[in-house]
């Protein structure tokens, strides 16, 4: 039987809220190129991520990884804040 390698999406973001229990809100900023005018502009999106040990706080740079749905709008897990992760 073959070993399956799971390719879960991993995104780098900044924690903007840690007021909920075992949950952090992470904002992810990215640049998008306009297809018609070829100009880059900045967009941002907020994700709720599961933080089991409540170890991340406002201002921390973290990586969030896709997982199965944990609640209605929480389907990421806060993994680490190491800069070496790809």
PDB file of N, CA and C in Angstrom:
ATOM      1  N   UNK A   1       0.838  -1.183   0.000  1.00  0.00           N
ATOM      2  CA  UNK A   1       0.000   0.000   0.000  1.00  0.00           C
ATOM      3  C   UNK A   1       0.881   1.242   0.000  1.00  0.00           C
ATOM      4  N   UNK A   2       0.503   2.217  -0.797  1.00  0.00           N
ATOM      5  CA  UNK A   2       1.310   3.423  -0.927  1.00  0.00           C
ATOM      6  C   UNK A   2       1.036   4.400   0.213  1.00  0.00           C
ATOM      7  N   UNK A   3       2.078   5.123   0.584  1.00  0.00           N
ATOM      8  CA  UNK A   3       1.916   6.179   1.582  1.00  0.00           C
ATOM      9  C   UNK A   3       1.459   7.447   0.886  1.00  0.00           C
ATOM     10  N   UNK A   4       0.352   7.996   1.315  1.00  0.00           N
ATOM     11  CA  UNK A   4      -0.149   9.225   0.723  1.00  0.00           C
ATOM     12  C   UNK A   4       0.458  10.424   1.432  1.00  0.00           C
ATOM     13  N   UNK A   5       0.910  11.373   0.644  1.00  0.00           N
ATOM     14  CA  UNK A   5       1.460  12.602   1.198  1.00  0.00           C
ATOM     15  C   UNK A   5       0.374  13.663   1.108  1.00  0.00           C
ATOM     16  N   UNK A   6      -0.016  14.203   2.241  1.00  0.00           N
ATOM     17  CA  UNK A   6      -1.058  15.221   2.236  1.00  0.00           C
ATOM     18  C   UNK A   6      -0.418  16.584   2.009  1.00  0.00           C
ATOM     19  N   UNK A   7      -0.994  17.323   1.091  1.00  0.00           N
ATOM     20  CA  UNK A   7      -0.496  18.655   0.781  1.00  0.00           C
ATOM     21  C   UNK A   7      -1.507  19.666   1.322  1.00  0.00           C
ATOM     22  N   UNK A   8      -1.341  20.005   2.577  1.00  0.00           N
ATOM     23  CA  UNK A   8      -2.236  20.969   3.191  1.00  0.00           C
ATOM     24  C   UNK A   8      -1.711  22.377   2.944  1.00  0.00           C
ATOM     25  N   UNK A   9      -2.625  23.290   2.692  1.00  0.00           N
ATOM     26  CA  UNK A   9      -2.249  24.664   2.433  1.00  0.00           C
ATOM     27  C   UNK A   9      -1.742  25.297   3.716  1.00  0.00           C
ATOM     28  N   UNK A  10      -0.615  25.975   3.620  1.00  0.00           N
ATOM     29  CA  UNK A  10      -0.031  26.661   4.770  1.00  0.00           C
ATOM     30  C   UNK A  10       0.138  28.130   4.409  1.00  0.00           C
ATOM     31  N   UNK A  11      -0.351  29.012   5.282  1.00  0.00           N
ATOM     32  CA  UNK A  11      -0.348  30.442   5.001  1.00  0.00           C
ATOM     33  C   UNK A  11       0.304  31.184   6.161  1.00  0.00           C
ATOM     34  N   UNK A  12       1.084  32.204   5.835  1.00  0.00           N
ATOM     35  CA  UNK A  12       1.739  33.024   6.855  1.00  0.00           C
ATOM     36  C   UNK A  12       0.896  34.271   7.106  1.00  0.00           C
ATOM     37  N   UNK A  13       0.664  34.587   8.389  1.00  0.00           N
ATOM     38  CA  UNK A  13      -0.141  35.749   8.730  1.00  0.00           C
ATOM     39  C   UNK A  13       0.215  36.300  10.093  1.00  0.00           C
ATOM     40  N   UNK A  14      -0.486  37.353  10.476  1.00  0.00           N
ATOM     41  CA  UNK A  14      -0.257  38.025  11.750  1.00  0.00           C
ATOM     42  C   UNK A  14      -1.504  37.923  12.608  1.00  0.00           C
ATOM     43  N   UNK A  15      -1.323  37.597  13.882  1.00  0.00           N
ATOM     44  CA  UNK A  15      -2.452  37.491  14.812  1.00  0.00           C
ATOM     45  C   UNK A  15      -2.949  38.904  15.141  1.00  0.00           C
ATOM     46  N   UNK A  16      -4.258  39.126  14.953  1.00  0.00           N
ATOM     47  CA  UNK A  16      -4.847  40.428  15.257  1.00  0.00           C
ATOM     48  C   UNK A  16      -5.802  40.374  16.437  1.00  0.00           C
ATOM     49  N   UNK A  17      -6.223  39.160  16.838  1.00  0.00           N
ATOM     50  CA  UNK A  17      -7.116  39.036  17.984  1.00  0.00           C
ATOM     51  C   UNK A  17      -6.905  37.678  18.641  1.00  0.00           C
ATOM     52  N   UNK A  18      -6.855  37.690  19.984  1.00  0.00           N
ATOM     53  CA  UNK A  18      -6.750  36.436  20.733  1.00  0.00           C
ATOM     54  C   UNK A  18      -7.727  36.421  21.900  1.00  0.00           C
ATOM     55  N   UNK A  19      -8.849  37.116  21.742  1.00  0.00           N
ATOM     56  CA  UNK A  19      -9.817  37.249  22.829  1.00  0.00           C
ATOM     57  C   UNK A  19     -10.656  35.992  23.044  1.00  0.00           C
ATOM     58  N   UNK A  20     -10.807  35.177  22.007  1.00  0.00           N
ATOM     59  CA  UNK A  20     -11.612  33.960  22.136  1.00  0.00           C
ATOM     60  C   UNK A  20     -10.781  32.847  22.764  1.00  0.00           C
ATOM     61  N   UNK A  21     -11.457  31.890  23.377  1.00  0.00           N
ATOM     62  CA  UNK A  21     -10.765  30.763  23.988  1.00  0.00           C
ATOM     63  C   UNK A  21     -10.401  29.748  22.913  1.00  0.00           C
ATOM     64  N   UNK A  22      -9.123  29.382  22.829  1.00  0.00           N
ATOM     65  CA  UNK A  22      -8.582  28.410  21.878  1.00  0.00           C
ATOM     66  C   UNK A  22      -8.762  28.824  20.423  1.00  0.00           C
ATOM     67  N   UNK A  23      -8.910  30.117  20.161  1.00  0.00           N
ATOM     68  CA  UNK A  23      -9.059  30.619  18.803  1.00  0.00           C
ATOM     69  C   UNK A  23      -8.306  31.932  18.653  1.00  0.00           C
ATOM     70  N   UNK A  24      -7.615  32.080  17.528  1.00  0.00           N
ATOM     71  CA  UNK A  24      -6.973  33.350  17.190  1.00  0.00           C
ATOM     72  C   UNK A  24      -7.465  33.780  15.817  1.00  0.00           C
ATOM     73  N   UNK A  25      -7.531  35.079  15.611  1.00  0.00           N
ATOM     74  CA  UNK A  25      -7.878  35.617  14.309  1.00  0.00           C
ATOM     75  C   UNK A  25      -6.586  36.072  13.652  1.00  0.00           C
ATOM     76  N   UNK A  26      -6.350  35.566  12.441  1.00  0.00           N
ATOM     77  CA  UNK A  26      -5.107  35.836  11.719  1.00  0.00           C
ATOM     78  C   UNK A  26      -5.437  36.584  10.439  1.00  0.00           C
ATOM     79  N   UNK A  27      -4.738  37.693  10.192  1.00  0.00           N
ATOM     80  CA  UNK A  27      -4.929  38.444   8.956  1.00  0.00           C
ATOM     81  C   UNK A  27      -3.776  38.094   8.013  1.00  0.00           C
ATOM     82  N   UNK A  28      -4.144  37.804   6.756  1.00  0.00           N
ATOM     83  CA  UNK A  28      -3.165  37.441   5.735  1.00  0.00           C
ATOM     84  C   UNK A  28      -3.200  38.518   4.656  1.00  0.00           C
ATOM     85  N   UNK A  29      -2.067  39.164   4.430  1.00  0.00           N
ATOM     86  CA  UNK A  29      -1.947  40.192   3.396  1.00  0.00           C
ATOM     87  C   UNK A  29      -1.271  39.593   2.173  1.00  0.00           C
ATOM     88  N   UNK A  30      -1.747  39.975   0.984  1.00  0.00           N
ATOM     89  CA  UNK A  30      -1.093  39.518  -0.241  1.00  0.00           C
ATOM     90  C   UNK A  30      -1.284  40.559  -1.341  1.00  0.00           C
ATOM     91  N   UNK A  31      -0.391  40.510  -2.331  1.00  0.00           N
ATOM     92  CA  UNK A  31      -0.478  41.375  -3.489  1.00  0.00           C
ATOM     93  C   UNK A  31      -1.113  40.616  -4.634  1.00  0.00           C
ATOM     94  N   UNK A  32      -2.052  41.285  -5.329  1.00  0.00           N
ATOM     95  CA  UNK A  32      -2.763  40.691  -6.445  1.00  0.00           C
ATOM     96  C   UNK A  32      -2.569  41.585  -7.659  1.00  0.00           C
ATOM     97  N   UNK A  33      -2.371  40.965  -8.813  1.00  0.00           N
ATOM     98  CA  UNK A  33      -2.182  41.731 -10.042  1.00  0.00           C
ATOM     99  C   UNK A  33      -3.509  41.873 -10.767  1.00  0.00           C
ATOM    100  N   UNK A  34      -3.877  43.096 -11.117  1.00  0.00           N
ATOM    101  CA  UNK A  34      -5.096  43.346 -11.859  1.00  0.00           C
ATOM    102  C   UNK A  34      -4.934  42.820 -13.282  1.00  0.00           C
ATOM    103  N   UNK A  35      -5.881  41.986 -13.757  1.00  0.00           N
ATOM    104  CA  UNK A  35      -5.689  41.372 -15.068  1.00  0.00           C
ATOM    105  C   UNK A  35      -5.720  42.357 -16.244  1.00  0.00           C
ATOM    106  N   UNK A  36      -6.477  43.416 -16.114  1.00  0.00           N
ATOM    107  CA  UNK A  36      -6.602  44.358 -17.228  1.00  0.00           C
ATOM    108  C   UNK A  36      -5.511  45.417 -17.207  1.00  0.00           C
ATOM    109  N   UNK A  37      -5.304  46.048 -16.052  1.00  0.00           N
ATOM    110  CA  UNK A  37      -4.389  47.185 -15.974  1.00  0.00           C
ATOM    111  C   UNK A  37      -2.981  46.801 -15.536  1.00  0.00           C
ATOM    112  N   UNK A  38      -2.770  45.524 -15.176  1.00  0.00           N
ATOM    113  CA  UNK A  38      -1.445  45.012 -14.798  1.00  0.00           C
ATOM    114  C   UNK A  38      -0.841  45.721 -13.599  1.00  0.00           C
ATOM    115  N   UNK A  39      -1.684  46.251 -12.736  1.00  0.00           N
ATOM    116  CA  UNK A  39      -1.210  46.946 -11.550  1.00  0.00           C
ATOM    117  C   UNK A  39      -1.398  46.040 -10.339  1.00  0.00           C
ATOM    118  N   UNK A  40      -0.449  46.080  -9.427  1.00  0.00           N
ATOM    119  CA  UNK A  40      -0.546  45.295  -8.203  1.00  0.00           C
ATOM    120  C   UNK A  40      -1.254  46.102  -7.125  1.00  0.00           C
ATOM    121  N   UNK A  41      -2.103  45.438  -6.359  1.00  0.00           N
ATOM    122  CA  UNK A  41      -2.747  46.076  -5.226  1.00  0.00           C
ATOM    123  C   UNK A  41      -2.788  45.100  -4.059  1.00  0.00           C
ATOM    124  N   UNK A  42      -2.868  45.649  -2.861  1.00  0.00           N
ATOM    125  CA  UNK A  42      -2.821  44.839  -1.646  1.00  0.00           C
ATOM    126  C   UNK A  42      -4.225  44.447  -1.210  1.00  0.00           C
ATOM    127  N   UNK A  43      -4.392  43.165  -0.853  1.00  0.00           N
ATOM    128  CA  UNK A  43      -5.646  42.695  -0.285  1.00  0.00           C
ATOM    129  C   UNK A  43      -5.340  41.986   1.029  1.00  0.00           C
ATOM    130  N   UNK A  44      -6.338  41.879   1.870  1.00  0.00           N
ATOM    131  CA  UNK A  44      -6.158  41.164   3.132  1.00  0.00           C
ATOM    132  C   UNK A  44      -7.411  40.356   3.427  1.00  0.00           C
ATOM    133  N   UNK A  45      -7.207  39.259   4.152  1.00  0.00           N
ATOM    134  CA  UNK A  45      -8.322  38.407   4.534  1.00  0.00           C
ATOM    135  C   UNK A  45      -8.065  37.878   5.931  1.00  0.00           C
ATOM    136  N   UNK A  46      -9.137  37.770   6.717  1.00  0.00           N
ATOM    137  CA  UNK A  46      -9.020  37.264   8.078  1.00  0.00           C
ATOM    138  C   UNK A  46      -9.478  35.814   8.138  1.00  0.00           C
ATOM    139  N   UNK A  47      -8.723  35.008   8.876  1.00  0.00           N
ATOM    140  CA  UNK A  47      -9.064  33.616   9.104  1.00  0.00           C
ATOM    141  C   UNK A  47      -9.099  33.371  10.601  1.00  0.00           C
ATOM    142  N   UNK A  48     -10.021  32.523  11.034  1.00  0.00           N
ATOM    143  CA  UNK A  48     -10.017  32.070  12.425  1.00  0.00           C
ATOM    144  C   UNK A  48      -9.272  30.756  12.478  1.00  0.00           C
ATOM    145  N   UNK A  49      -8.327  30.652  13.406  1.00  0.00           N
ATOM    146  CA  UNK A  49      -7.499  29.458  13.499  1.00  0.00           C
ATOM    147  C   UNK A  49      -7.560  28.904  14.917  1.00  0.00           C
ATOM    148  N   UNK A  50      -7.490  27.584  15.026  1.00  0.00           N
ATOM    149  CA  UNK A  50      -7.541  26.898  16.312  1.00  0.00           C
ATOM    150  C   UNK A  50      -6.177  26.992  16.996  1.00  0.00           C
ATOM    151  N   UNK A  51      -6.180  27.399  18.259  1.00  0.00           N
ATOM    152  CA  UNK A  51      -4.959  27.516  19.064  1.00  0.00           C
ATOM    153  C   UNK A  51      -5.210  26.783  20.374  1.00  0.00           C
ATOM    154  N   UNK A  52      -4.874  25.506  20.399  1.00  0.00           N
ATOM    155  CA  UNK A  52      -5.227  24.628  21.521  1.00  0.00           C
ATOM    156  C   UNK A  52      -4.683  25.114  22.858  1.00  0.00           C
ATOM    157  N   UNK A  53      -3.436  25.601  22.889  1.00  0.00           N
ATOM    158  CA  UNK A  53      -2.793  25.968  24.153  1.00  0.00           C
ATOM    159  C   UNK A  53      -2.847  27.468  24.447  1.00  0.00           C
ATOM    160  N   UNK A  54      -3.546  28.241  23.640  1.00  0.00           N
ATOM    161  CA  UNK A  54      -3.610  29.695  23.796  1.00  0.00           C
ATOM    162  C   UNK A  54      -2.204  30.299  23.890  1.00  0.00           C
ATOM    163  N   UNK A  55      -1.307  29.870  22.999  1.00  0.00           N
ATOM    164  CA  UNK A  55       0.088  30.305  23.065  1.00  0.00           C
ATOM    165  C   UNK A  55       0.399  31.501  22.179  1.00  0.00           C
ATOM    166  N   UNK A  56      -0.465  31.826  21.221  1.00  0.00           N
ATOM    167  CA  UNK A  56      -0.208  32.944  20.318  1.00  0.00           C
ATOM    168  C   UNK A  56      -0.977  34.175  20.768  1.00  0.00           C
ATOM    169  N   UNK A  57      -0.341  35.341  20.631  1.00  0.00           N
ATOM    170  CA  UNK A  57      -0.935  36.599  21.087  1.00  0.00           C
ATOM    171  C   UNK A  57      -0.877  37.628  19.968  1.00  0.00           C
ATOM    172  N   UNK A  58      -1.526  38.757  20.185  1.00  0.00           N
ATOM    173  CA  UNK A  58      -1.623  39.812  19.178  1.00  0.00           C
ATOM    174  C   UNK A  58      -0.224  40.256  18.753  1.00  0.00           C
ATOM    175  N   UNK A  59      -0.026  40.327  17.437  1.00  0.00           N
ATOM    176  CA  UNK A  59       1.247  40.764  16.884  1.00  0.00           C
ATOM    177  C   UNK A  59       2.175  39.634  16.481  1.00  0.00           C
ATOM    178  N   UNK A  60       1.908  38.407  16.907  1.00  0.00           N
ATOM    179  CA  UNK A  60       2.756  37.273  16.546  1.00  0.00           C
ATOM    180  C   UNK A  60       2.570  36.928  15.068  1.00  0.00           C
ATOM    181  N   UNK A  61       3.672  36.575  14.422  1.00  0.00           N
ATOM    182  CA  UNK A  61       3.619  36.084  13.050  1.00  0.00           C
ATOM    183  C   UNK A  61       3.532  34.563  13.123  1.00  0.00           C
ATOM    184  N   UNK A  62       2.470  33.991  12.560  1.00  0.00           N
ATOM    185  CA  UNK A  62       2.231  32.553  12.672  1.00  0.00           C
ATOM    186  C   UNK A  62       1.951  31.955  11.294  1.00  0.00           C
ATOM    187  N   UNK A  63       2.077  30.644  11.211  1.00  0.00           N
ATOM    188  CA  UNK A  63       1.651  29.887  10.048  1.00  0.00           C
ATOM    189  C   UNK A  63       0.375  29.164  10.424  1.00  0.00           C
ATOM    190  N   UNK A  64      -0.615  29.218   9.535  1.00  0.00           N
ATOM    191  CA  UNK A  64      -1.848  28.480   9.749  1.00  0.00           C
ATOM    192  C   UNK A  64      -1.937  27.406   8.677  1.00  0.00           C
ATOM    193  N   UNK A  65      -2.452  26.252   9.072  1.00  0.00           N
ATOM    194  CA  UNK A  65      -2.517  25.109   8.172  1.00  0.00           C
ATOM    195  C   UNK A  65      -3.947  24.623   8.062  1.00  0.00           C
ATOM    196  N   UNK A  66      -4.339  24.248   6.858  1.00  0.00           N
ATOM    197  CA  UNK A  66      -5.693  23.766   6.610  1.00  0.00           C
ATOM    198  C   UNK A  66      -5.982  22.494   7.403  1.00  0.00           C
ATOM    199  N   UNK A  67      -7.216  22.339   7.839  1.00  0.00           N
ATOM    200  CA  UNK A  67      -7.627  21.130   8.545  1.00  0.00           C
ATOM    201  C   UNK A  67      -9.112  20.897   8.274  1.00  0.00           C
ATOM    202  N   UNK A  68      -9.624  19.840   8.868  1.00  0.00           N
ATOM    203  CA  UNK A  68     -11.061  19.607   8.732  1.00  0.00           C
ATOM    204  C   UNK A  68     -11.798  20.693   9.510  1.00  0.00           C
ATOM    205  N   UNK A  69     -13.053  20.974   9.184  1.00  0.00           N
ATOM    206  CA  UNK A  69     -13.781  22.025   9.891  1.00  0.00           C
ATOM    207  C   UNK A  69     -13.887  21.738  11.388  1.00  0.00           C
ATOM    208  N   UNK A  70     -13.516  22.738  12.181  1.00  0.00           N
ATOM    209  CA  UNK A  70     -13.562  22.620  13.633  1.00  0.00           C
ATOM    210  C   UNK A  70     -14.849  23.244  14.162  1.00  0.00           C
ATOM    211  N   UNK A  71     -15.296  24.303  13.515  1.00  0.00           N
ATOM    212  CA  UNK A  71     -16.569  24.930  13.851  1.00  0.00           C
ATOM    213  C   UNK A  71     -17.140  25.529  12.567  1.00  0.00           C
ATOM    214  N   UNK A  72     -18.150  26.364  12.691  1.00  0.00           N
ATOM    215  CA  UNK A  72     -18.822  26.913  11.518  1.00  0.00           C
ATOM    216  C   UNK A  72     -17.870  27.665  10.595  1.00  0.00           C
ATOM    217  N   UNK A  73     -17.002  28.488  11.162  1.00  0.00           N
ATOM    218  CA  UNK A  73     -16.099  29.278  10.328  1.00  0.00           C
ATOM    219  C   UNK A  73     -14.632  29.127  10.725  1.00  0.00           C
ATOM    220  N   UNK A  74     -14.283  28.031  11.361  1.00  0.00           N
ATOM    221  CA  UNK A  74     -12.894  27.785  11.774  1.00  0.00           C
ATOM    222  C   UNK A  74     -12.419  26.489  11.139  1.00  0.00           C
ATOM    223  N   UNK A  75     -11.546  26.606  10.123  1.00  0.00           N
ATOM    224  CA  UNK A  75     -11.027  25.418   9.451  1.00  0.00           C
ATOM    225  C   UNK A  75      -9.517  25.515   9.212  1.00  0.00           C
ATOM    226  N   UNK A  76      -8.827  26.200  10.108  1.00  0.00           N
ATOM    227  CA  UNK A  76      -7.369  26.285  10.093  1.00  0.00           C
ATOM    228  C   UNK A  76      -6.849  26.026  11.497  1.00  0.00           C
ATOM    229  N   UNK A  77      -5.592  25.585  11.578  1.00  0.00           N
ATOM    230  CA  UNK A  77      -4.925  25.373  12.861  1.00  0.00           C
ATOM    231  C   UNK A  77      -3.671  26.225  12.878  1.00  0.00           C
ATOM    232  N   UNK A  78      -3.465  26.979  13.958  1.00  0.00           N
ATOM    233  CA  UNK A  78      -2.238  27.762  14.112  1.00  0.00           C
ATOM    234  C   UNK A  78      -1.114  26.793  14.436  1.00  0.00           C
ATOM    235  N   UNK A  79      -0.124  26.697  13.537  1.00  0.00           N
ATOM    236  CA  UNK A  79       0.891  25.671  13.655  1.00  0.00           C
ATOM    237  C   UNK A  79       2.103  26.157  14.438  1.00  0.00           C
ATOM    238  N   UNK A  80       2.773  27.173  13.949  1.00  0.00           N
ATOM    239  CA  UNK A  80       3.992  27.645  14.597  1.00  0.00           C
ATOM    240  C   UNK A  80       4.261  29.064  14.180  1.00  0.00           C
ATOM    241  N   UNK A  81       5.273  29.652  14.814  1.00  0.00           N
ATOM    242  CA  UNK A  81       5.688  30.995  14.411  1.00  0.00           C
ATOM    243  C   UNK A  81       7.150  30.991  13.975  1.00  0.00           C
ATOM    244  N   UNK A  82       7.609  29.869  13.436  1.00  0.00           N
ATOM    245  CA  UNK A  82       8.987  29.765  12.961  1.00  0.00           C
ATOM    246  C   UNK A  82       9.085  30.350  11.565  1.00  0.00           C
ATOM    247  N   UNK A  83      10.123  31.111  11.325  1.00  0.00           N
ATOM    248  CA  UNK A  83      10.341  31.716  10.020  1.00  0.00           C
ATOM    249  C   UNK A  83      10.881  30.710   9.010  1.00  0.00           C
ATOM    250  N   UNK A  84      11.388  29.570   9.465  1.00  0.00           N
ATOM    251  CA  UNK A  84      12.033  28.603   8.578  1.00  0.00           C
ATOM    252  C   UNK A  84      11.035  27.747   7.821  1.00  0.00           C
ATOM    253  N   UNK A  85       9.754  27.768   8.199  1.00  0.00           N
ATOM    254  CA  UNK A  85       8.765  26.927   7.519  1.00  0.00           C
ATOM    255  C   UNK A  85       8.475  27.468   6.120  1.00  0.00           C
ATOM    256  N   UNK A  86       8.344  26.574   5.160  1.00  0.00           N
ATOM    257  CA  UNK A  86       8.145  27.003   3.770  1.00  0.00           C
ATOM    258  C   UNK A  86       6.740  27.289   3.453  1.00  0.00           C
TER     259      UNK A  86
END
